[in-house]
C-alpha cells in the first residue's frame, strides 16, 4: 500500500495532456491560470457515458473478482501512463491518494480528478482497463476517522447499552477502547456497532450501525 500527494490538474491541462502536448509548455504558468475552463457535461466529460443506473462491471480484464456493482460515481477516462489492468485506491479528505493495488507507480491523478467531478473525497475506488488507454472507474463515498490505535488492520466495537466488546482483526482484545471509536458509536445511539478498517496510519474507514 502506498500514498502519494497530488496536484490538482485543470481540465485544460488534462485535455492538452491527452492530446500529447505538454501543458506547462503550451499554457505556461500564467497562461494556464488565465484560461477559463469550459464547464464539462457531467455525463460525457470523461469519455463514453457509464451504464444506466451507475452499474458497471470493473472486473472486465485481469483477475475477475466480482460482477457488476452499484457505485456512487462511474466515469471513463483516458490514462495512457497507467500499467496493468486493475487499480484500487482510496482518496482521503485532504486529497491524498492511498493505493492498495496497482501495477507500477504511475500518478493516479487522472483517475481521481475524473471521479471528483462527480463526488468529493473521501471515497474508495476501483478502476479497470477497458480498451487501450481507456479506463472505467467506479467510486463509493466512505466515512473516515482519525483513530490512534497502533495494532491490527480491522477494529470492531459493539456496545449493548451496558457492556462493550472490542475485537482486533476478528479476535477479542483487552486493549483500551479508543475514545474516537466509542464516540462514533455514541453519536448514533445507546447501542451500536462500529467497524473500522485501516486505510493508512491513523486514518481508518469506519461504518457505524445503531441497534
N, C-alpha and C. Protein backbone atom coordinates (compact mmCIF):
# COMPACT_ATOMS: atom_id res chain seq x y z
N UNK A 1 0.85 -1.19 0.00
CA UNK A 1 0.00 0.00 0.00
C UNK A 1 0.89 1.24 0.00
N UNK A 2 0.58 2.21 -0.86
CA UNK A 2 1.39 3.40 -0.94
C UNK A 2 0.54 4.66 -0.93
N UNK A 3 1.19 5.77 -0.63
CA UNK A 3 0.50 7.06 -0.57
C UNK A 3 1.21 8.03 -1.47
N UNK A 4 0.46 8.85 -2.22
CA UNK A 4 1.08 9.97 -2.91
C UNK A 4 0.18 11.18 -2.85
N UNK A 5 0.82 12.35 -2.74
CA UNK A 5 0.12 13.62 -2.73
C UNK A 5 0.06 14.12 -4.17
N UNK A 6 -1.08 14.63 -4.56
CA UNK A 6 -1.22 15.00 -5.96
C UNK A 6 -1.57 16.47 -6.10
N UNK A 7 -1.15 17.02 -7.22
CA UNK A 7 -1.51 18.38 -7.60
C UNK A 7 -2.78 18.29 -8.43
N UNK A 8 -3.74 19.17 -8.17
CA UNK A 8 -4.99 19.15 -8.92
C UNK A 8 -4.76 19.62 -10.35
N UNK A 9 -5.13 18.80 -11.31
CA UNK A 9 -4.97 19.12 -12.73
C UNK A 9 -6.22 19.82 -13.24
N UNK A 10 -6.04 20.92 -13.95
CA UNK A 10 -7.19 21.61 -14.53
C UNK A 10 -7.68 20.85 -15.75
N UNK A 11 -8.90 21.16 -16.18
CA UNK A 11 -9.45 20.49 -17.36
C UNK A 11 -8.63 20.82 -18.59
N UNK A 12 -8.17 22.08 -18.73
CA UNK A 12 -7.33 22.46 -19.86
C UNK A 12 -6.06 21.62 -19.91
N UNK A 13 -5.44 21.45 -18.73
CA UNK A 13 -4.20 20.67 -18.68
C UNK A 13 -4.47 19.22 -19.05
N UNK A 14 -5.58 18.66 -18.57
CA UNK A 14 -5.91 17.28 -18.91
C UNK A 14 -6.11 17.10 -20.40
N UNK A 15 -6.86 18.02 -21.02
CA UNK A 15 -7.12 17.91 -22.46
C UNK A 15 -5.83 18.01 -23.26
N UNK A 16 -4.95 18.91 -22.87
CA UNK A 16 -3.67 19.04 -23.57
C UNK A 16 -2.82 17.79 -23.39
N UNK A 17 -2.79 17.27 -22.15
CA UNK A 17 -2.01 16.06 -21.89
C UNK A 17 -2.53 14.90 -22.72
N UNK A 18 -3.87 14.75 -22.77
CA UNK A 18 -4.43 13.63 -23.51
C UNK A 18 -4.22 13.78 -25.01
N UNK A 19 -3.97 15.04 -25.47
CA UNK A 19 -3.68 15.27 -26.88
C UNK A 19 -2.19 15.11 -27.19
N UNK A 20 -1.40 14.74 -26.16
CA UNK A 20 0.02 14.52 -26.36
C UNK A 20 0.85 15.77 -26.27
N UNK A 21 0.31 16.86 -25.70
CA UNK A 21 1.03 18.12 -25.56
C UNK A 21 1.44 18.33 -24.11
N UNK A 22 2.46 19.13 -23.90
CA UNK A 22 2.94 19.46 -22.56
C UNK A 22 2.16 20.66 -22.06
N UNK A 23 1.30 20.54 -21.04
CA UNK A 23 0.51 21.67 -20.57
C UNK A 23 1.35 22.86 -20.14
N UNK A 24 2.49 22.59 -19.45
CA UNK A 24 3.31 23.69 -18.98
C UNK A 24 3.91 24.47 -20.14
N UNK A 25 4.37 23.74 -21.17
CA UNK A 25 4.98 24.41 -22.31
C UNK A 25 3.94 25.13 -23.17
N UNK A 26 2.75 24.56 -23.23
CA UNK A 26 1.71 25.14 -24.09
C UNK A 26 1.04 26.34 -23.45
N UNK A 27 0.68 26.19 -22.15
CA UNK A 27 -0.05 27.26 -21.47
C UNK A 27 0.87 28.20 -20.71
N UNK A 28 1.94 27.64 -20.14
CA UNK A 28 2.76 28.44 -19.25
C UNK A 28 2.03 28.62 -17.94
N UNK A 29 2.77 28.92 -16.86
CA UNK A 29 2.15 29.04 -15.55
C UNK A 29 1.11 30.14 -15.51
N UNK A 30 1.41 31.31 -16.10
CA UNK A 30 0.49 32.43 -16.06
C UNK A 30 -0.69 32.19 -16.97
N UNK A 31 -0.42 31.71 -18.19
CA UNK A 31 -1.49 31.49 -19.15
C UNK A 31 -2.45 30.42 -18.66
N UNK A 32 -1.90 29.39 -18.01
CA UNK A 32 -2.75 28.31 -17.53
C UNK A 32 -3.75 28.82 -16.52
N UNK A 33 -3.34 29.74 -15.69
CA UNK A 33 -4.24 30.28 -14.68
C UNK A 33 -5.25 31.22 -15.29
N UNK A 34 -4.93 31.82 -16.44
CA UNK A 34 -5.80 32.84 -17.01
C UNK A 34 -6.87 32.26 -17.92
N UNK A 35 -6.68 31.03 -18.41
CA UNK A 35 -7.64 30.46 -19.34
C UNK A 35 -8.86 29.97 -18.58
N UNK A 36 -10.03 30.41 -19.01
CA UNK A 36 -11.26 29.97 -18.35
C UNK A 36 -11.59 28.56 -18.80
N UNK A 37 -11.90 27.70 -17.85
CA UNK A 37 -12.22 26.32 -18.17
C UNK A 37 -13.68 26.22 -18.56
N UNK A 38 -13.98 25.55 -19.68
CA UNK A 38 -15.39 25.32 -20.01
C UNK A 38 -16.00 24.33 -19.04
N UNK A 39 -17.29 24.46 -18.78
CA UNK A 39 -17.97 23.53 -17.89
C UNK A 39 -18.28 22.25 -18.66
N UNK A 40 -17.74 21.12 -18.22
CA UNK A 40 -18.00 19.87 -18.95
C UNK A 40 -19.39 19.36 -18.67
N UNK A 41 -19.93 18.67 -19.65
CA UNK A 41 -21.17 17.95 -19.43
C UNK A 41 -20.87 16.84 -18.45
N UNK A 42 -21.52 16.80 -17.26
CA UNK A 42 -21.14 15.83 -16.25
C UNK A 42 -21.29 14.38 -16.68
N UNK A 43 -22.13 14.12 -17.66
CA UNK A 43 -22.33 12.74 -18.08
C UNK A 43 -21.33 12.28 -19.12
N UNK A 44 -20.72 13.23 -19.88
CA UNK A 44 -19.89 12.81 -21.00
C UNK A 44 -18.48 13.43 -20.98
N UNK A 45 -18.11 14.13 -19.91
CA UNK A 45 -16.85 14.85 -19.91
C UNK A 45 -15.65 13.92 -20.02
N UNK A 46 -15.74 12.74 -19.48
CA UNK A 46 -14.56 11.89 -19.37
C UNK A 46 -14.55 10.75 -20.38
N UNK A 47 -15.45 10.76 -21.34
CA UNK A 47 -15.49 9.69 -22.30
C UNK A 47 -16.90 9.16 -22.44
N UNK A 48 -17.07 7.94 -22.91
CA UNK A 48 -18.41 7.37 -23.09
C UNK A 48 -19.17 7.37 -21.78
N UNK A 49 -20.49 7.51 -21.82
CA UNK A 49 -21.26 7.55 -20.58
C UNK A 49 -21.23 6.22 -19.87
N UNK A 50 -21.36 6.23 -18.53
CA UNK A 50 -21.42 4.97 -17.80
C UNK A 50 -22.73 4.28 -18.07
N UNK A 51 -22.81 2.99 -17.79
CA UNK A 51 -24.07 2.28 -17.98
C UNK A 51 -25.18 2.90 -17.15
N UNK A 52 -26.42 2.66 -17.55
CA UNK A 52 -27.55 3.22 -16.83
C UNK A 52 -27.56 2.70 -15.40
N UNK A 53 -27.98 3.59 -14.47
CA UNK A 53 -28.05 3.20 -13.08
C UNK A 53 -26.70 3.16 -12.39
N UNK A 54 -25.67 3.66 -13.04
CA UNK A 54 -24.33 3.65 -12.46
C UNK A 54 -23.90 2.23 -12.07
N UNK A 55 -24.31 1.27 -12.86
CA UNK A 55 -23.98 -0.12 -12.60
C UNK A 55 -22.94 -0.54 -13.63
N UNK A 56 -21.74 -0.85 -13.18
CA UNK A 56 -20.66 -1.10 -14.13
C UNK A 56 -19.81 -2.27 -13.65
N UNK A 57 -19.37 -3.09 -14.57
CA UNK A 57 -18.51 -4.22 -14.24
C UNK A 57 -17.06 -3.78 -14.39
N UNK A 58 -16.35 -3.67 -13.26
CA UNK A 58 -14.96 -3.23 -13.29
C UNK A 58 -13.99 -4.41 -13.32
N UNK A 59 -14.50 -5.61 -13.46
CA UNK A 59 -13.65 -6.79 -13.50
C UNK A 59 -13.63 -7.39 -14.90
N UNK A 60 -13.62 -6.49 -15.91
CA UNK A 60 -13.68 -6.99 -17.28
C UNK A 60 -12.38 -7.63 -17.72
N UNK A 61 -11.28 -7.20 -17.13
CA UNK A 61 -9.98 -7.71 -17.52
C UNK A 61 -9.22 -8.16 -16.28
N UNK A 62 -8.22 -8.99 -16.48
CA UNK A 62 -7.38 -9.41 -15.37
C UNK A 62 -8.14 -10.36 -14.44
N UNK A 63 -7.89 -10.19 -13.14
CA UNK A 63 -8.46 -11.06 -12.12
C UNK A 63 -9.92 -10.69 -11.89
N UNK A 64 -10.85 -11.54 -12.33
CA UNK A 64 -12.27 -11.25 -12.16
C UNK A 64 -12.67 -11.58 -10.73
N UNK A 65 -13.03 -10.53 -9.95
CA UNK A 65 -13.31 -10.72 -8.54
C UNK A 65 -14.79 -10.66 -8.24
N UNK A 66 -15.55 -9.94 -9.05
CA UNK A 66 -16.97 -9.81 -8.76
C UNK A 66 -17.69 -9.36 -10.01
N UNK A 67 -18.99 -9.43 -9.97
CA UNK A 67 -19.80 -8.96 -11.08
C UNK A 67 -20.07 -7.48 -10.94
N UNK A 68 -21.07 -6.98 -11.67
CA UNK A 68 -21.39 -5.55 -11.63
C UNK A 68 -21.72 -5.08 -10.22
N UNK A 69 -21.32 -3.88 -9.89
CA UNK A 69 -21.53 -3.29 -8.58
C UNK A 69 -22.11 -1.89 -8.75
N UNK A 70 -22.99 -1.51 -7.83
CA UNK A 70 -23.55 -0.17 -7.86
C UNK A 70 -22.56 0.80 -7.21
N UNK A 71 -22.27 1.90 -7.91
CA UNK A 71 -21.32 2.89 -7.41
C UNK A 71 -21.99 4.26 -7.30
N UNK A 72 -21.43 5.09 -6.42
CA UNK A 72 -21.91 6.47 -6.31
C UNK A 72 -21.49 7.30 -7.52
N UNK A 73 -20.40 6.93 -8.14
CA UNK A 73 -19.92 7.64 -9.33
C UNK A 73 -19.23 6.66 -10.25
N UNK A 74 -19.52 6.75 -11.55
CA UNK A 74 -18.86 5.94 -12.57
C UNK A 74 -18.38 6.86 -13.68
N UNK A 75 -17.12 6.73 -14.08
CA UNK A 75 -16.58 7.55 -15.15
C UNK A 75 -15.67 6.70 -16.03
N UNK A 76 -15.43 7.16 -17.23
CA UNK A 76 -14.39 6.59 -18.07
C UNK A 76 -13.40 7.70 -18.38
N UNK A 77 -12.12 7.37 -18.41
CA UNK A 77 -11.09 8.39 -18.59
C UNK A 77 -9.89 7.77 -19.29
N UNK A 78 -9.25 8.56 -20.13
CA UNK A 78 -8.03 8.13 -20.80
C UNK A 78 -6.84 8.36 -19.87
N UNK A 79 -6.05 7.30 -19.64
CA UNK A 79 -4.89 7.38 -18.76
C UNK A 79 -3.76 6.57 -19.38
N UNK A 80 -3.04 7.15 -20.35
CA UNK A 80 -2.03 6.39 -21.10
C UNK A 80 -0.81 5.97 -20.29
N UNK A 81 -0.57 6.58 -19.12
CA UNK A 81 0.65 6.25 -18.37
C UNK A 81 0.46 5.07 -17.42
N UNK A 82 -0.75 4.59 -17.26
CA UNK A 82 -1.01 3.53 -16.29
C UNK A 82 -0.72 2.16 -16.88
N UNK A 83 -0.18 1.28 -16.05
CA UNK A 83 0.12 -0.09 -16.46
C UNK A 83 -0.90 -1.03 -15.83
N UNK A 84 -0.83 -2.29 -16.23
CA UNK A 84 -1.70 -3.29 -15.65
C UNK A 84 -3.14 -3.15 -16.14
N UNK A 85 -4.04 -3.89 -15.50
CA UNK A 85 -5.44 -3.91 -15.92
C UNK A 85 -6.41 -3.51 -14.81
N UNK A 86 -5.95 -3.44 -13.58
CA UNK A 86 -6.83 -3.12 -12.47
C UNK A 86 -6.08 -2.31 -11.42
N UNK A 87 -6.77 -1.32 -10.84
CA UNK A 87 -6.20 -0.46 -9.81
C UNK A 87 -7.27 -0.24 -8.74
N UNK A 88 -6.86 -0.27 -7.48
CA UNK A 88 -7.74 0.06 -6.37
C UNK A 88 -7.07 1.13 -5.53
N UNK A 89 -7.82 2.16 -5.16
CA UNK A 89 -7.25 3.23 -4.36
C UNK A 89 -8.33 3.89 -3.52
N UNK A 90 -7.88 4.61 -2.49
CA UNK A 90 -8.76 5.36 -1.61
C UNK A 90 -8.25 6.79 -1.55
N UNK A 91 -9.15 7.75 -1.70
CA UNK A 91 -8.78 9.16 -1.57
C UNK A 91 -9.36 9.69 -0.27
N UNK A 92 -8.50 10.24 0.59
CA UNK A 92 -8.93 10.72 1.90
C UNK A 92 -9.29 12.20 1.82
N UNK A 93 -9.86 12.78 2.89
CA UNK A 93 -10.40 14.15 2.79
C UNK A 93 -9.44 15.21 2.30
N UNK A 94 -8.14 15.10 2.61
CA UNK A 94 -7.20 16.14 2.16
C UNK A 94 -6.78 15.97 0.70
N UNK A 95 -7.31 14.95 0.02
CA UNK A 95 -7.00 14.74 -1.39
C UNK A 95 -5.89 13.76 -1.65
N UNK A 96 -5.16 13.34 -0.61
CA UNK A 96 -4.11 12.34 -0.81
C UNK A 96 -4.73 11.01 -1.23
N UNK A 97 -3.99 10.27 -2.05
CA UNK A 97 -4.46 9.00 -2.59
C UNK A 97 -3.67 7.85 -1.96
N UNK A 98 -4.38 6.90 -1.39
CA UNK A 98 -3.77 5.70 -0.82
C UNK A 98 -4.00 4.56 -1.81
N UNK A 99 -2.93 3.99 -2.34
CA UNK A 99 -3.03 2.97 -3.36
C UNK A 99 -2.92 1.60 -2.71
N UNK A 100 -3.93 0.76 -2.92
CA UNK A 100 -3.90 -0.59 -2.36
C UNK A 100 -3.54 -1.63 -3.41
N UNK A 101 -3.78 -1.34 -4.69
CA UNK A 101 -3.41 -2.27 -5.76
C UNK A 101 -3.09 -1.49 -7.02
N UNK A 102 -1.90 -1.69 -7.56
CA UNK A 102 -1.50 -1.02 -8.79
C UNK A 102 -0.29 -1.73 -9.37
N UNK A 103 -0.20 -1.79 -10.67
CA UNK A 103 1.00 -2.28 -11.35
C UNK A 103 1.85 -1.07 -11.69
N UNK A 104 3.06 -1.01 -11.12
CA UNK A 104 3.89 0.17 -11.32
C UNK A 104 3.57 1.24 -10.30
N UNK A 105 4.07 2.45 -10.56
CA UNK A 105 3.87 3.54 -9.61
C UNK A 105 3.49 4.84 -10.32
N UNK A 106 2.68 4.73 -11.37
CA UNK A 106 2.27 5.93 -12.12
C UNK A 106 1.32 6.79 -11.28
N UNK A 107 1.27 8.06 -11.62
CA UNK A 107 0.39 9.01 -10.95
C UNK A 107 -1.07 8.68 -11.28
N UNK A 108 -1.89 8.52 -10.25
CA UNK A 108 -3.29 8.20 -10.44
C UNK A 108 -4.19 9.44 -10.51
N UNK A 109 -3.58 10.61 -10.60
CA UNK A 109 -4.37 11.85 -10.62
C UNK A 109 -5.44 11.87 -11.70
N UNK A 110 -5.18 11.38 -12.94
CA UNK A 110 -6.25 11.41 -13.95
C UNK A 110 -7.51 10.67 -13.50
N UNK A 111 -7.34 9.53 -12.82
CA UNK A 111 -8.49 8.78 -12.34
C UNK A 111 -9.21 9.53 -11.23
N UNK A 112 -8.42 10.02 -10.25
CA UNK A 112 -9.02 10.72 -9.12
C UNK A 112 -9.69 12.01 -9.56
N UNK A 113 -9.05 12.76 -10.46
CA UNK A 113 -9.63 14.02 -10.93
C UNK A 113 -10.96 13.78 -11.63
N UNK A 114 -11.04 12.70 -12.41
CA UNK A 114 -12.28 12.39 -13.12
C UNK A 114 -13.40 12.04 -12.14
N UNK A 115 -13.08 11.25 -11.13
CA UNK A 115 -14.09 10.89 -10.12
C UNK A 115 -14.59 12.13 -9.40
N UNK A 116 -13.68 13.06 -9.09
CA UNK A 116 -14.04 14.20 -8.25
C UNK A 116 -14.80 15.29 -9.00
N UNK A 117 -15.09 15.06 -10.28
CA UNK A 117 -16.06 15.93 -10.94
C UNK A 117 -17.48 15.53 -10.56
N UNK A 118 -17.61 14.39 -9.86
CA UNK A 118 -18.93 13.86 -9.51
C UNK A 118 -19.13 13.74 -8.00
N UNK A 119 -18.10 13.31 -7.27
CA UNK A 119 -18.19 13.22 -5.82
C UNK A 119 -16.90 13.75 -5.20
N UNK A 120 -16.98 14.18 -3.96
CA UNK A 120 -15.82 14.70 -3.24
C UNK A 120 -15.21 13.60 -2.37
N UNK A 121 -13.91 13.74 -2.06
CA UNK A 121 -13.31 12.81 -1.10
C UNK A 121 -13.99 12.97 0.27
N UNK A 122 -13.99 11.91 1.08
CA UNK A 122 -13.27 10.64 0.90
C UNK A 122 -14.12 9.63 0.12
N UNK A 123 -13.43 8.76 -0.61
CA UNK A 123 -14.11 7.69 -1.34
C UNK A 123 -13.13 6.56 -1.61
N UNK A 124 -13.69 5.40 -1.87
CA UNK A 124 -12.90 4.23 -2.27
C UNK A 124 -13.23 3.92 -3.72
N UNK A 125 -12.21 3.65 -4.53
CA UNK A 125 -12.42 3.49 -5.97
C UNK A 125 -11.71 2.24 -6.51
N UNK A 126 -12.29 1.71 -7.58
CA UNK A 126 -11.68 0.62 -8.33
C UNK A 126 -11.72 1.00 -9.80
N UNK A 127 -10.66 0.70 -10.51
CA UNK A 127 -10.55 1.04 -11.93
C UNK A 127 -10.12 -0.20 -12.71
N UNK A 128 -10.66 -0.32 -13.92
CA UNK A 128 -10.31 -1.45 -14.79
C UNK A 128 -10.10 -0.94 -16.20
N UNK A 129 -9.05 -1.44 -16.84
CA UNK A 129 -8.78 -1.07 -18.22
C UNK A 129 -9.89 -1.62 -19.12
N UNK A 130 -10.41 -0.77 -20.02
CA UNK A 130 -11.48 -1.18 -20.92
C UNK A 130 -10.96 -1.50 -22.32
N UNK A 131 -10.25 -0.54 -22.90
CA UNK A 131 -9.74 -0.72 -24.26
C UNK A 131 -8.60 0.26 -24.47
N UNK A 132 -7.41 -0.24 -24.68
CA UNK A 132 -6.26 0.65 -24.86
C UNK A 132 -6.00 1.47 -23.61
N UNK A 133 -5.99 2.79 -23.77
CA UNK A 133 -5.73 3.68 -22.65
C UNK A 133 -6.99 4.08 -21.90
N UNK A 134 -8.13 3.54 -22.27
CA UNK A 134 -9.39 3.92 -21.64
C UNK A 134 -9.65 3.06 -20.41
N UNK A 135 -9.94 3.75 -19.29
CA UNK A 135 -10.21 3.09 -18.02
C UNK A 135 -11.61 3.43 -17.55
N UNK A 136 -12.28 2.46 -16.93
CA UNK A 136 -13.54 2.71 -16.23
C UNK A 136 -13.23 2.76 -14.74
N UNK A 137 -13.83 3.74 -14.06
CA UNK A 137 -13.59 3.92 -12.63
C UNK A 137 -14.93 3.98 -11.91
N UNK A 138 -15.07 3.19 -10.86
CA UNK A 138 -16.25 3.26 -10.01
C UNK A 138 -15.82 3.65 -8.61
N UNK A 139 -16.56 4.55 -7.96
CA UNK A 139 -16.18 5.03 -6.64
C UNK A 139 -17.39 5.10 -5.72
N UNK A 140 -17.16 4.80 -4.46
CA UNK A 140 -18.19 4.91 -3.44
C UNK A 140 -17.72 5.82 -2.31
N UNK A 141 -18.59 6.69 -1.87
CA UNK A 141 -18.27 7.56 -0.73
C UNK A 141 -18.06 6.70 0.51
N UNK A 142 -17.16 7.14 1.38
CA UNK A 142 -16.92 6.45 2.64
C UNK A 142 -16.83 7.47 3.76
N UNK A 143 -16.90 6.98 4.99
CA UNK A 143 -16.67 7.82 6.16
C UNK A 143 -15.32 7.45 6.73
N UNK A 144 -14.52 8.44 7.09
CA UNK A 144 -13.21 8.17 7.65
C UNK A 144 -13.07 8.87 8.99
N UNK A 145 -12.15 8.36 9.80
CA UNK A 145 -11.89 8.94 11.12
C UNK A 145 -10.43 8.75 11.48
N UNK A 146 -9.92 9.67 12.29
CA UNK A 146 -8.57 9.55 12.84
C UNK A 146 -8.67 8.77 14.14
N UNK A 147 -8.06 7.60 14.18
CA UNK A 147 -8.10 6.76 15.38
C UNK A 147 -6.67 6.32 15.71
N UNK A 148 -6.08 6.87 16.75
CA UNK A 148 -4.71 6.48 17.11
C UNK A 148 -4.67 5.12 17.80
N UNK A 149 -4.56 4.08 16.99
CA UNK A 149 -4.53 2.71 17.51
C UNK A 149 -3.46 1.97 16.72
N UNK A 150 -2.39 1.53 17.36
CA UNK A 150 -1.23 1.00 16.61
C UNK A 150 -1.39 -0.41 16.07
N UNK A 151 -2.31 -1.18 16.63
CA UNK A 151 -2.37 -2.61 16.30
C UNK A 151 -3.51 -2.92 15.33
N UNK A 152 -3.30 -3.95 14.52
CA UNK A 152 -4.36 -4.51 13.70
C UNK A 152 -4.70 -3.69 12.47
N UNK A 153 -5.50 -4.32 11.63
CA UNK A 153 -5.99 -3.68 10.41
C UNK A 153 -7.50 -3.51 10.42
N UNK A 154 -8.18 -4.18 11.36
CA UNK A 154 -9.63 -4.06 11.44
C UNK A 154 -10.05 -4.04 12.90
N UNK A 155 -10.91 -3.10 13.26
CA UNK A 155 -11.43 -2.98 14.61
C UNK A 155 -12.94 -3.14 14.57
N UNK A 156 -13.48 -3.77 15.61
CA UNK A 156 -14.92 -3.90 15.75
C UNK A 156 -15.27 -3.60 17.21
N UNK A 157 -16.17 -2.65 17.41
CA UNK A 157 -16.60 -2.28 18.75
C UNK A 157 -18.12 -2.43 18.83
N UNK A 158 -18.58 -3.26 19.74
CA UNK A 158 -20.02 -3.41 19.95
C UNK A 158 -20.35 -2.99 21.38
N UNK A 159 -21.50 -2.32 21.54
CA UNK A 159 -21.95 -1.87 22.84
C UNK A 159 -23.46 -2.06 22.91
N UNK A 160 -23.92 -2.82 23.91
CA UNK A 160 -25.34 -3.16 24.01
C UNK A 160 -26.10 -2.29 25.00
N UNK A 161 -25.47 -1.22 25.45
CA UNK A 161 -26.09 -0.34 26.43
C UNK A 161 -25.51 -0.49 27.81
N UNK A 162 -24.82 -1.62 28.04
CA UNK A 162 -24.20 -1.83 29.35
C UNK A 162 -22.80 -2.41 29.26
N UNK A 163 -22.54 -3.22 28.22
CA UNK A 163 -21.23 -3.86 28.07
C UNK A 163 -20.67 -3.59 26.68
N UNK A 164 -19.35 -3.37 26.65
CA UNK A 164 -18.67 -3.12 25.38
C UNK A 164 -17.69 -4.25 25.10
N UNK A 165 -17.54 -4.59 23.83
CA UNK A 165 -16.55 -5.57 23.41
C UNK A 165 -15.76 -5.02 22.24
N UNK A 166 -14.45 -5.11 22.34
CA UNK A 166 -13.55 -4.68 21.27
C UNK A 166 -12.90 -5.92 20.66
N UNK A 167 -12.93 -6.00 19.34
CA UNK A 167 -12.25 -7.07 18.62
C UNK A 167 -11.25 -6.44 17.66
N UNK A 168 -10.06 -7.03 17.59
CA UNK A 168 -9.00 -6.57 16.71
C UNK A 168 -8.67 -7.69 15.74
N UNK A 169 -8.84 -7.44 14.47
CA UNK A 169 -8.62 -8.45 13.43
C UNK A 169 -9.42 -9.72 13.73
N UNK A 170 -10.65 -9.53 14.22
CA UNK A 170 -11.56 -10.64 14.46
C UNK A 170 -11.42 -11.33 15.80
N UNK A 171 -10.40 -10.95 16.59
CA UNK A 171 -10.17 -11.61 17.88
C UNK A 171 -10.50 -10.66 19.03
N UNK A 172 -11.11 -11.18 20.13
CA UNK A 172 -11.38 -10.33 21.30
C UNK A 172 -10.10 -9.71 21.82
N UNK A 173 -10.18 -8.44 22.26
CA UNK A 173 -9.00 -7.72 22.72
C UNK A 173 -9.31 -7.04 24.04
N UNK A 174 -8.32 -7.04 24.94
CA UNK A 174 -8.47 -6.33 26.20
C UNK A 174 -7.76 -4.97 26.16
N UNK A 175 -7.41 -4.52 24.96
CA UNK A 175 -6.78 -3.20 24.81
C UNK A 175 -7.79 -2.11 25.17
N UNK A 176 -7.28 -0.95 25.57
CA UNK A 176 -8.15 0.18 25.87
C UNK A 176 -8.92 0.57 24.62
N UNK A 177 -10.23 0.76 24.78
CA UNK A 177 -11.06 1.15 23.63
C UNK A 177 -10.74 2.58 23.24
N UNK A 178 -10.35 2.82 21.98
CA UNK A 178 -10.06 4.19 21.55
C UNK A 178 -11.29 5.08 21.73
N UNK A 179 -11.08 6.24 22.37
CA UNK A 179 -12.20 7.13 22.61
C UNK A 179 -12.87 7.55 21.30
N UNK A 180 -12.07 7.76 20.26
CA UNK A 180 -12.61 8.17 18.97
C UNK A 180 -13.58 7.11 18.41
N UNK A 181 -13.28 5.83 18.65
CA UNK A 181 -14.13 4.76 18.16
C UNK A 181 -15.46 4.75 18.93
N UNK A 182 -15.38 4.92 20.25
CA UNK A 182 -16.59 4.93 21.06
C UNK A 182 -17.47 6.14 20.73
N UNK A 183 -16.86 7.29 20.47
CA UNK A 183 -17.64 8.49 20.17
C UNK A 183 -18.42 8.33 18.87
N UNK A 184 -17.88 7.59 17.91
CA UNK A 184 -18.61 7.34 16.67
C UNK A 184 -19.90 6.58 16.96
N UNK A 185 -19.80 5.58 17.83
CA UNK A 185 -20.98 4.82 18.17
C UNK A 185 -21.97 5.62 18.99
N UNK A 186 -21.48 6.37 19.97
CA UNK A 186 -22.35 7.16 20.83
C UNK A 186 -23.14 8.19 20.05
N UNK A 187 -22.62 8.58 18.89
CA UNK A 187 -23.31 9.60 18.09
C UNK A 187 -24.58 9.06 17.45
N UNK A 188 -24.73 7.73 17.39
CA UNK A 188 -25.91 7.17 16.72
C UNK A 188 -26.92 6.55 17.68
N UNK A 189 -26.53 6.34 18.94
CA UNK A 189 -27.50 5.77 19.87
C UNK A 189 -26.85 5.10 21.07
N UNK A 190 -27.71 4.55 21.94
CA UNK A 190 -27.23 3.92 23.16
C UNK A 190 -26.60 2.55 22.91
N UNK A 191 -27.05 1.87 21.85
CA UNK A 191 -26.47 0.59 21.47
C UNK A 191 -25.97 0.70 20.04
N UNK A 192 -24.79 0.18 19.77
CA UNK A 192 -24.20 0.40 18.46
C UNK A 192 -23.14 -0.64 18.13
N UNK A 193 -22.78 -0.66 16.84
CA UNK A 193 -21.70 -1.50 16.35
C UNK A 193 -20.86 -0.65 15.40
N UNK A 194 -19.57 -0.57 15.66
CA UNK A 194 -18.66 0.24 14.86
C UNK A 194 -17.59 -0.66 14.25
N UNK A 195 -17.43 -0.56 12.94
CA UNK A 195 -16.37 -1.27 12.24
C UNK A 195 -15.37 -0.23 11.71
N UNK A 196 -14.09 -0.55 11.81
CA UNK A 196 -13.06 0.35 11.29
C UNK A 196 -12.00 -0.47 10.56
N UNK A 197 -11.66 -0.06 9.35
CA UNK A 197 -10.62 -0.71 8.55
C UNK A 197 -9.52 0.31 8.28
N UNK A 198 -8.31 -0.04 8.61
CA UNK A 198 -7.20 0.91 8.46
C UNK A 198 -6.97 1.22 6.98
N UNK A 199 -6.89 2.51 6.68
CA UNK A 199 -6.52 2.96 5.34
C UNK A 199 -5.03 3.19 5.27
N UNK A 200 -4.53 4.01 6.20
CA UNK A 200 -3.08 4.29 6.27
C UNK A 200 -2.82 5.01 7.58
N UNK A 201 -1.84 4.51 8.35
CA UNK A 201 -1.51 5.16 9.62
C UNK A 201 -2.71 5.21 10.56
N UNK A 202 -3.04 6.41 11.04
CA UNK A 202 -4.17 6.58 11.95
C UNK A 202 -5.47 6.89 11.22
N UNK A 203 -5.49 6.78 9.90
CA UNK A 203 -6.70 7.06 9.12
C UNK A 203 -7.42 5.75 8.86
N UNK A 204 -8.69 5.69 9.27
CA UNK A 204 -9.49 4.48 9.16
C UNK A 204 -10.79 4.76 8.42
N UNK A 205 -11.24 3.80 7.63
CA UNK A 205 -12.58 3.83 7.08
C UNK A 205 -13.51 3.24 8.12
N UNK A 206 -14.61 3.92 8.43
CA UNK A 206 -15.48 3.47 9.50
C UNK A 206 -16.92 3.31 9.01
N UNK A 207 -17.63 2.38 9.63
CA UNK A 207 -19.06 2.16 9.41
C UNK A 207 -19.71 2.03 10.78
N UNK A 208 -20.79 2.73 10.98
CA UNK A 208 -21.44 2.77 12.28
C UNK A 208 -22.90 2.35 12.12
N UNK A 209 -23.34 1.43 12.97
CA UNK A 209 -24.71 0.93 12.93
C UNK A 209 -25.32 0.99 14.32
N UNK A 210 -26.53 1.55 14.41
CA UNK A 210 -27.26 1.57 15.68
C UNK A 210 -28.16 0.34 15.72
N UNK A 211 -28.33 -0.23 16.92
CA UNK A 211 -29.25 -1.37 17.05
C UNK A 211 -29.92 -1.36 18.43
